[in-house]
Amino acid sequence: MAEKIEGGSKMKFTVVKLAILSLIPVLLTAGAVDTMWLRIYPGSDSVSGNFNQAGDIGFDPQGNIIVCGAG
């Protein structure tokens, strides 16, 4: 009898895990989670004449990392 109760609790835990994991794509699609901690913008690179390495990596006020010319 104790084995059935233990197995049932494992089943409930698995169902809860699956429910939480299934919500992750929904939250990402809804924009509830900010995954854009790294943003890449076109800018100077080593090929162009106005290469400025110090200006290629920076931070904005929200704390995002900005990488220019990384493409």
Protein backbone atom coordinates (compact mmCIF):
# COMPACT_ATOMS: atom_id res chain seq x y z
CA MET A 1 0.00 0.00 0.00
CA ALA A 2 2.84 2.38 0.80
CA GLU A 3 4.35 1.78 -2.63
CA LYS A 4 1.17 2.94 -4.37
CA ILE A 5 1.14 6.19 -2.39
CA GLU A 6 4.81 6.81 -3.18
CA GLY A 7 4.25 6.08 -6.86
CA GLY A 8 1.26 8.40 -6.90
CA SER A 9 3.27 11.27 -5.48
CA LYS A 10 5.94 10.72 -8.13
CA MET A 11 3.26 10.85 -10.79
CA LYS A 12 1.89 14.14 -9.43
CA PHE A 13 5.42 15.60 -9.35
CA THR A 14 5.96 14.59 -12.98
CA VAL A 15 2.67 16.16 -14.03
CA VAL A 16 3.58 19.40 -12.24
CA LYS A 17 7.01 19.44 -13.92
CA LEU A 18 5.45 18.92 -17.33
CA ALA A 19 2.91 21.67 -16.69
CA ILE A 20 5.64 24.13 -15.72
CA LEU A 21 7.82 23.17 -18.68
CA SER A 22 4.90 23.60 -21.06
CA LEU A 23 4.41 27.17 -19.83
CA ILE A 24 7.94 28.26 -20.76
CA PRO A 25 7.28 28.68 -24.52
CA VAL A 26 4.03 30.50 -23.76
CA LEU A 27 5.80 32.96 -21.46
CA LEU A 28 8.60 33.52 -23.97
CA THR A 29 6.12 34.14 -26.77
CA ALA A 30 4.11 36.53 -24.63
CA GLY A 31 7.24 38.55 -23.87
CA ALA A 32 7.02 37.91 -20.15
CA VAL A 33 10.69 36.94 -20.09
CA ASP A 34 13.36 39.26 -21.52
CA THR A 35 15.83 37.04 -23.36
CA MET A 36 17.48 39.90 -25.24
CA TRP A 37 20.40 40.42 -22.86
CA LEU A 38 22.73 40.47 -25.86
CA ARG A 39 21.77 42.72 -28.74
CA ILE A 40 23.80 43.04 -31.91
CA TYR A 41 23.69 46.24 -33.95
CA PRO A 42 25.42 46.96 -37.24
CA GLY A 43 28.32 49.34 -36.84
CA SER A 44 32.03 49.68 -37.36
CA ASP A 45 34.13 46.63 -38.00
CA SER A 46 37.79 45.96 -38.68
CA VAL A 47 37.28 46.22 -42.46
CA SER A 48 35.88 49.75 -42.50
CA GLY A 49 38.04 52.83 -42.23
CA ASN A 50 36.34 54.13 -39.11
CA PHE A 51 37.14 51.13 -36.89
CA ASN A 52 36.83 52.03 -33.22
CA GLN A 53 37.34 48.97 -31.06
CA ALA A 54 36.47 50.81 -27.85
CA GLY A 55 33.04 51.69 -29.25
CA ASP A 56 32.23 48.19 -30.46
CA ILE A 57 31.16 46.81 -27.07
CA GLY A 58 29.03 48.82 -24.67
CA PHE A 59 26.13 48.79 -22.26
CA ASP A 60 22.81 50.59 -22.36
CA PRO A 61 20.99 51.97 -19.26
CA GLN A 62 18.96 48.74 -18.90
CA GLY A 63 22.18 46.71 -18.58
CA ASN A 64 22.03 45.10 -22.02
CA ILE A 65 25.31 44.34 -23.77
CA ILE A 66 25.60 46.09 -27.13
CA VAL A 67 27.98 44.61 -29.70
CA CYS A 68 28.44 46.66 -32.87
CA GLY A 69 29.84 45.12 -36.01
CA ALA A 70 29.70 41.59 -34.67
CA GLY A 71 28.22 40.22 -37.87
